[in-house]
Amino acid sequence: MSQIHRIRALADGWLGPRSIAPSKDAIDKFSAIHREIDLLPNAKSLAPTGVGGLLLEWVDAEKEFTAELEPHGVLFMSIDDGDDSDEIALPFDADTLKRFVVSGRWDA
């Protein structure tokens, strides 16, 4: 998971003077499920956001999935099938993120 290593190396200002690098805590939260992330389809993207968050996106079975850990600890998740979308924002929970990455669902 070399992308995590590149993200860890970022410093504030990486995307411009006001950009913030993701915190070690945020990176560690995504690193904890790296095996599940690695099993996602090839069309996946893990990227830092300019405000200090992390964004994971992937496509599977004609649906687009997004999981974003915002810098203040909120986990935003969405599913978009082109006709309809569903989204939720919750306080970060590792089990919820793992479930979403593995099954495409945030509910148990």
N, C-alpha and C. Protein backbone atom coordinates (compact mmCIF):
# COMPACT_ATOMS: atom_id res chain seq x y z
N MET A 1 0.85 -1.18 0.00
CA MET A 1 0.00 0.00 0.00
C MET A 1 0.89 1.24 0.00
N SER A 2 1.59 1.42 -1.09
CA SER A 2 2.56 2.52 -1.19
C SER A 2 1.89 3.89 -1.16
N GLN A 3 0.62 3.96 -1.54
CA GLN A 3 -0.08 5.24 -1.50
C GLN A 3 -0.13 5.79 -0.08
N ILE A 4 -0.34 4.94 0.90
CA ILE A 4 -0.35 5.38 2.31
C ILE A 4 1.01 5.95 2.67
N HIS A 5 2.08 5.32 2.21
CA HIS A 5 3.43 5.81 2.52
C HIS A 5 3.65 7.20 1.91
N ARG A 6 3.15 7.40 0.70
CA ARG A 6 3.28 8.73 0.07
C ARG A 6 2.45 9.77 0.83
N ILE A 7 1.27 9.38 1.28
CA ILE A 7 0.42 10.31 2.02
C ILE A 7 1.06 10.65 3.36
N ARG A 8 1.65 9.66 4.02
CA ARG A 8 2.34 9.92 5.30
C ARG A 8 3.45 10.96 5.15
N ALA A 9 4.07 11.01 4.00
CA ALA A 9 5.20 11.92 3.78
C ALA A 9 4.77 13.37 3.51
N LEU A 10 3.47 13.60 3.32
CA LEU A 10 3.01 14.95 3.03
C LEU A 10 3.16 15.87 4.24
N ALA A 11 3.38 17.13 3.96
CA ALA A 11 3.43 18.17 5.00
C ALA A 11 2.39 19.23 4.67
N ASP A 12 1.99 19.98 5.66
CA ASP A 12 1.07 21.09 5.40
C ASP A 12 1.64 21.93 4.26
N GLY A 13 0.75 22.42 3.40
CA GLY A 13 1.17 23.20 2.24
C GLY A 13 1.41 22.36 1.00
N TRP A 14 1.16 21.04 1.07
CA TRP A 14 1.45 20.14 -0.04
C TRP A 14 0.64 20.46 -1.29
N LEU A 15 -0.53 21.08 -1.14
CA LEU A 15 -1.39 21.38 -2.28
C LEU A 15 -1.55 22.89 -2.47
N GLY A 16 -0.81 23.65 -1.75
CA GLY A 16 -0.90 25.11 -1.78
C GLY A 16 -0.75 25.63 -0.38
N PRO A 17 -0.61 26.93 -0.24
CA PRO A 17 -0.29 27.52 1.06
C PRO A 17 -1.25 27.18 2.19
N ARG A 18 -2.51 26.97 1.90
CA ARG A 18 -3.49 26.72 2.96
C ARG A 18 -3.86 25.25 3.12
N SER A 19 -3.26 24.39 2.34
CA SER A 19 -3.62 22.98 2.43
C SER A 19 -3.01 22.35 3.68
N ILE A 20 -3.72 21.35 4.18
CA ILE A 20 -3.32 20.65 5.40
C ILE A 20 -3.10 19.18 5.06
N ALA A 21 -2.00 18.64 5.55
CA ALA A 21 -1.74 17.21 5.36
C ALA A 21 -2.63 16.40 6.29
N PRO A 22 -3.03 15.20 5.87
CA PRO A 22 -3.80 14.33 6.77
C PRO A 22 -3.02 14.04 8.04
N SER A 23 -3.74 13.94 9.14
CA SER A 23 -3.10 13.65 10.42
C SER A 23 -2.63 12.20 10.47
N LYS A 24 -1.68 11.93 11.34
CA LYS A 24 -1.19 10.57 11.55
C LYS A 24 -2.35 9.67 11.98
N ASP A 25 -3.24 10.20 12.82
CA ASP A 25 -4.39 9.44 13.29
C ASP A 25 -5.29 9.02 12.12
N ALA A 26 -5.59 9.95 11.23
CA ALA A 26 -6.44 9.63 10.07
C ALA A 26 -5.78 8.58 9.19
N ILE A 27 -4.49 8.74 8.94
CA ILE A 27 -3.78 7.78 8.10
C ILE A 27 -3.77 6.40 8.76
N ASP A 28 -3.54 6.37 10.07
CA ASP A 28 -3.54 5.10 10.79
C ASP A 28 -4.89 4.40 10.71
N LYS A 29 -5.97 5.17 10.73
CA LYS A 29 -7.31 4.57 10.65
C LYS A 29 -7.52 3.86 9.31
N PHE A 30 -7.05 4.46 8.23
CA PHE A 30 -7.16 3.81 6.93
C PHE A 30 -6.15 2.68 6.80
N SER A 31 -4.97 2.85 7.38
CA SER A 31 -3.95 1.79 7.31
C SER A 31 -4.43 0.52 7.99
N ALA A 32 -5.26 0.66 9.02
CA ALA A 32 -5.75 -0.50 9.77
C ALA A 32 -6.59 -1.44 8.91
N ILE A 33 -7.15 -0.92 7.81
CA ILE A 33 -7.95 -1.79 6.93
C ILE A 33 -7.29 -1.91 5.55
N HIS A 34 -5.98 -1.77 5.50
CA HIS A 34 -5.29 -1.80 4.21
C HIS A 34 -5.53 -3.09 3.44
N ARG A 35 -5.68 -4.21 4.12
CA ARG A 35 -5.92 -5.47 3.40
C ARG A 35 -7.25 -5.41 2.65
N GLU A 36 -8.27 -4.88 3.30
CA GLU A 36 -9.57 -4.77 2.67
C GLU A 36 -9.51 -3.78 1.49
N ILE A 37 -8.80 -2.68 1.69
CA ILE A 37 -8.66 -1.70 0.61
C ILE A 37 -7.94 -2.32 -0.58
N ASP A 38 -6.90 -3.10 -0.31
CA ASP A 38 -6.14 -3.74 -1.39
C ASP A 38 -6.99 -4.73 -2.19
N LEU A 39 -8.04 -5.28 -1.59
CA LEU A 39 -8.90 -6.25 -2.28
C LEU A 39 -9.97 -5.58 -3.15
N LEU A 40 -10.09 -4.26 -3.05
CA LEU A 40 -11.08 -3.56 -3.87
C LEU A 40 -10.70 -3.69 -5.33
N PRO A 41 -11.68 -3.48 -6.23
CA PRO A 41 -11.38 -3.54 -7.66
C PRO A 41 -10.25 -2.56 -8.02
N ASN A 42 -9.64 -2.80 -9.15
CA ASN A 42 -8.51 -1.97 -9.58
C ASN A 42 -8.87 -0.50 -9.69
N ALA A 43 -10.10 -0.19 -9.96
CA ALA A 43 -10.52 1.21 -10.12
C ALA A 43 -10.75 1.84 -8.76
N LYS A 44 -9.69 1.93 -7.97
CA LYS A 44 -9.81 2.53 -6.66
C LYS A 44 -8.84 3.69 -6.55
N SER A 45 -9.17 4.60 -5.67
CA SER A 45 -8.32 5.75 -5.46
C SER A 45 -8.32 6.10 -3.99
N LEU A 46 -7.14 6.18 -3.40
CA LEU A 46 -6.98 6.66 -2.03
C LEU A 46 -6.15 7.92 -2.13
N ALA A 47 -6.72 9.02 -1.66
CA ALA A 47 -6.03 10.30 -1.83
C ALA A 47 -6.26 11.20 -0.62
N PRO A 48 -5.29 12.07 -0.36
CA PRO A 48 -5.50 13.07 0.69
C PRO A 48 -6.40 14.17 0.16
N THR A 49 -7.07 14.85 1.05
CA THR A 49 -7.83 16.04 0.66
C THR A 49 -7.04 17.26 1.13
N GLY A 50 -7.28 18.39 0.54
CA GLY A 50 -6.55 19.60 0.87
C GLY A 50 -6.86 20.16 2.24
N VAL A 51 -7.90 19.61 2.89
CA VAL A 51 -8.29 20.11 4.21
C VAL A 51 -7.88 19.15 5.32
N GLY A 52 -7.04 18.15 5.00
CA GLY A 52 -6.53 17.25 6.03
C GLY A 52 -7.25 15.93 6.16
N GLY A 53 -8.11 15.61 5.23
CA GLY A 53 -8.84 14.35 5.28
C GLY A 53 -8.25 13.32 4.33
N LEU A 54 -8.91 12.18 4.27
CA LEU A 54 -8.55 11.11 3.34
C LEU A 54 -9.79 10.68 2.59
N LEU A 55 -9.63 10.43 1.30
CA LEU A 55 -10.74 10.08 0.44
C LEU A 55 -10.43 8.77 -0.27
N LEU A 56 -11.34 7.80 -0.12
CA LEU A 56 -11.24 6.51 -0.80
C LEU A 56 -12.43 6.40 -1.74
N GLU A 57 -12.16 6.13 -3.01
CA GLU A 57 -13.23 5.96 -4.00
C GLU A 57 -12.98 4.71 -4.82
N TRP A 58 -14.06 4.00 -5.16
CA TRP A 58 -13.93 2.83 -6.02
C TRP A 58 -15.25 2.60 -6.73
N VAL A 59 -15.17 1.81 -7.79
CA VAL A 59 -16.34 1.46 -8.60
C VAL A 59 -16.45 -0.06 -8.59
N ASP A 60 -17.67 -0.56 -8.40
CA ASP A 60 -17.91 -1.99 -8.41
C ASP A 60 -19.36 -2.22 -8.82
N ALA A 61 -19.58 -3.09 -9.76
CA ALA A 61 -20.94 -3.45 -10.21
C ALA A 61 -21.75 -2.21 -10.57
N GLU A 62 -21.14 -1.33 -11.34
CA GLU A 62 -21.80 -0.12 -11.84
C GLU A 62 -22.23 0.84 -10.73
N LYS A 63 -21.64 0.75 -9.57
CA LYS A 63 -21.89 1.68 -8.48
C LYS A 63 -20.58 2.36 -8.11
N GLU A 64 -20.69 3.62 -7.73
CA GLU A 64 -19.53 4.37 -7.26
C GLU A 64 -19.63 4.50 -5.75
N PHE A 65 -18.55 4.15 -5.07
CA PHE A 65 -18.50 4.20 -3.61
C PHE A 65 -17.48 5.25 -3.18
N THR A 66 -17.82 5.97 -2.13
CA THR A 66 -16.93 6.98 -1.56
C THR A 66 -16.92 6.85 -0.05
N ALA A 67 -15.73 6.87 0.52
CA ALA A 67 -15.57 6.95 1.98
C ALA A 67 -14.55 8.05 2.24
N GLU A 68 -14.97 9.07 2.96
CA GLU A 68 -14.07 10.18 3.27
C GLU A 68 -14.01 10.38 4.78
N LEU A 69 -12.80 10.33 5.30
CA LEU A 69 -12.58 10.64 6.70
C LEU A 69 -12.21 12.11 6.76
N GLU A 70 -13.12 12.89 7.32
CA GLU A 70 -12.89 14.32 7.42
C GLU A 70 -11.98 14.62 8.61
N PRO A 71 -11.29 15.76 8.59
CA PRO A 71 -10.29 16.03 9.63
C PRO A 71 -10.84 16.10 11.05
N HIS A 72 -12.11 16.41 11.20
CA HIS A 72 -12.70 16.49 12.55
C HIS A 72 -13.30 15.16 13.00
N GLY A 73 -12.98 14.07 12.30
CA GLY A 73 -13.37 12.74 12.75
C GLY A 73 -14.68 12.21 12.22
N VAL A 74 -15.30 12.90 11.27
CA VAL A 74 -16.55 12.42 10.69
C VAL A 74 -16.22 11.55 9.48
N LEU A 75 -16.90 10.41 9.39
CA LEU A 75 -16.76 9.50 8.26
C LEU A 75 -17.97 9.69 7.35
N PHE A 76 -17.72 10.19 6.15
CA PHE A 76 -18.77 10.40 5.15
C PHE A 76 -18.67 9.25 4.16
N MET A 77 -19.82 8.61 3.90
CA MET A 77 -19.86 7.50 2.95
C MET A 77 -21.01 7.70 1.98
N SER A 78 -20.79 7.33 0.73
CA SER A 78 -21.87 7.44 -0.25
C SER A 78 -21.78 6.31 -1.27
N ILE A 79 -22.95 6.02 -1.84
CA ILE A 79 -23.09 5.03 -2.92
C ILE A 79 -23.91 5.70 -4.00
N ASP A 80 -23.43 5.65 -5.23
CA ASP A 80 -24.12 6.28 -6.35
C ASP A 80 -24.19 5.27 -7.48
N ASP A 81 -25.42 4.97 -7.94
CA ASP A 81 -25.57 4.02 -9.04
C ASP A 81 -25.90 4.70 -10.36
N GLY A 82 -25.76 6.01 -10.41
CA GLY A 82 -26.05 6.76 -11.63
C GLY A 82 -27.46 7.31 -11.66
N ASP A 83 -28.40 6.61 -11.07
CA ASP A 83 -29.78 7.07 -11.00
C ASP A 83 -30.13 7.63 -9.64
N ASP A 84 -29.51 7.08 -8.62
CA ASP A 84 -29.84 7.44 -7.25
C ASP A 84 -28.56 7.38 -6.42
N SER A 85 -28.56 8.15 -5.35
CA SER A 85 -27.41 8.07 -4.45
C SER A 85 -27.90 8.03 -3.01
N ASP A 86 -27.10 7.44 -2.18
CA ASP A 86 -27.39 7.33 -0.75
C ASP A 86 -26.12 7.74 -0.03
N GLU A 87 -26.26 8.50 1.03
CA GLU A 87 -25.08 8.95 1.76
C GLU A 87 -25.38 9.06 3.24
N ILE A 88 -24.31 9.03 4.00
CA ILE A 88 -24.43 9.12 5.46
C ILE A 88 -23.14 9.71 6.01
N ALA A 89 -23.26 10.44 7.09
CA ALA A 89 -22.10 10.97 7.80
C ALA A 89 -22.24 10.56 9.26
N LEU A 90 -21.19 9.92 9.78
CA LEU A 90 -21.20 9.39 11.14
C LEU A 90 -19.87 9.69 11.82
N PRO A 91 -19.84 9.70 13.14
CA PRO A 91 -18.54 9.74 13.79
C PRO A 91 -17.74 8.51 13.35
N PHE A 92 -16.44 8.67 13.18
CA PHE A 92 -15.62 7.57 12.69
C PHE A 92 -15.78 6.33 13.57
N ASP A 93 -15.95 5.20 12.90
CA ASP A 93 -16.00 3.90 13.56
C ASP A 93 -15.29 2.92 12.62
N ALA A 94 -14.23 2.29 13.11
CA ALA A 94 -13.42 1.40 12.28
C ALA A 94 -14.24 0.25 11.71
N ASP A 95 -15.13 -0.32 12.50
CA ASP A 95 -15.93 -1.45 12.02
C ASP A 95 -16.87 -1.02 10.90
N THR A 96 -17.42 0.17 11.01
CA THR A 96 -18.32 0.67 9.96
C THR A 96 -17.55 0.89 8.66
N LEU A 97 -16.37 1.49 8.75
CA LEU A 97 -15.56 1.70 7.55
C LEU A 97 -15.18 0.36 6.92
N LYS A 98 -14.75 -0.59 7.73
CA LYS A 98 -14.37 -1.90 7.21
C LYS A 98 -15.57 -2.58 6.54
N ARG A 99 -16.73 -2.53 7.18
CA ARG A 99 -17.94 -3.14 6.60
C ARG A 99 -18.26 -2.50 5.25
N PHE A 100 -18.15 -1.17 5.18
CA PHE A 100 -18.46 -0.46 3.94
C PHE A 100 -17.50 -0.86 2.83
N VAL A 101 -16.22 -0.96 3.16
CA VAL A 101 -15.22 -1.33 2.14
C VAL A 101 -15.42 -2.78 1.69
N VAL A 102 -15.74 -3.67 2.61
CA VAL A 102 -15.89 -5.09 2.28
C VAL A 102 -17.21 -5.37 1.57
N SER A 103 -18.31 -4.78 2.06
CA SER A 103 -19.64 -5.16 1.55
C SER A 103 -20.39 -4.07 0.80
N GLY A 104 -19.89 -2.83 0.87
CA GLY A 104 -20.61 -1.73 0.24
C GLY A 104 -21.82 -1.28 1.05
N ARG A 105 -21.85 -1.67 2.32
CA ARG A 105 -22.96 -1.29 3.20
C ARG A 105 -22.38 -0.71 4.49
N TRP A 106 -23.08 0.27 5.05
CA TRP A 106 -22.62 0.82 6.34
C TRP A 106 -23.44 0.31 7.50
N ASP A 107 -24.60 -0.29 7.23
CA ASP A 107 -25.40 -0.84 8.33
C ASP A 107 -25.04 -2.31 8.55
N ALA A 108 -25.24 -2.74 9.77
CA ALA A 108 -24.86 -4.11 10.14
C ALA A 108 -25.84 -5.13 9.62
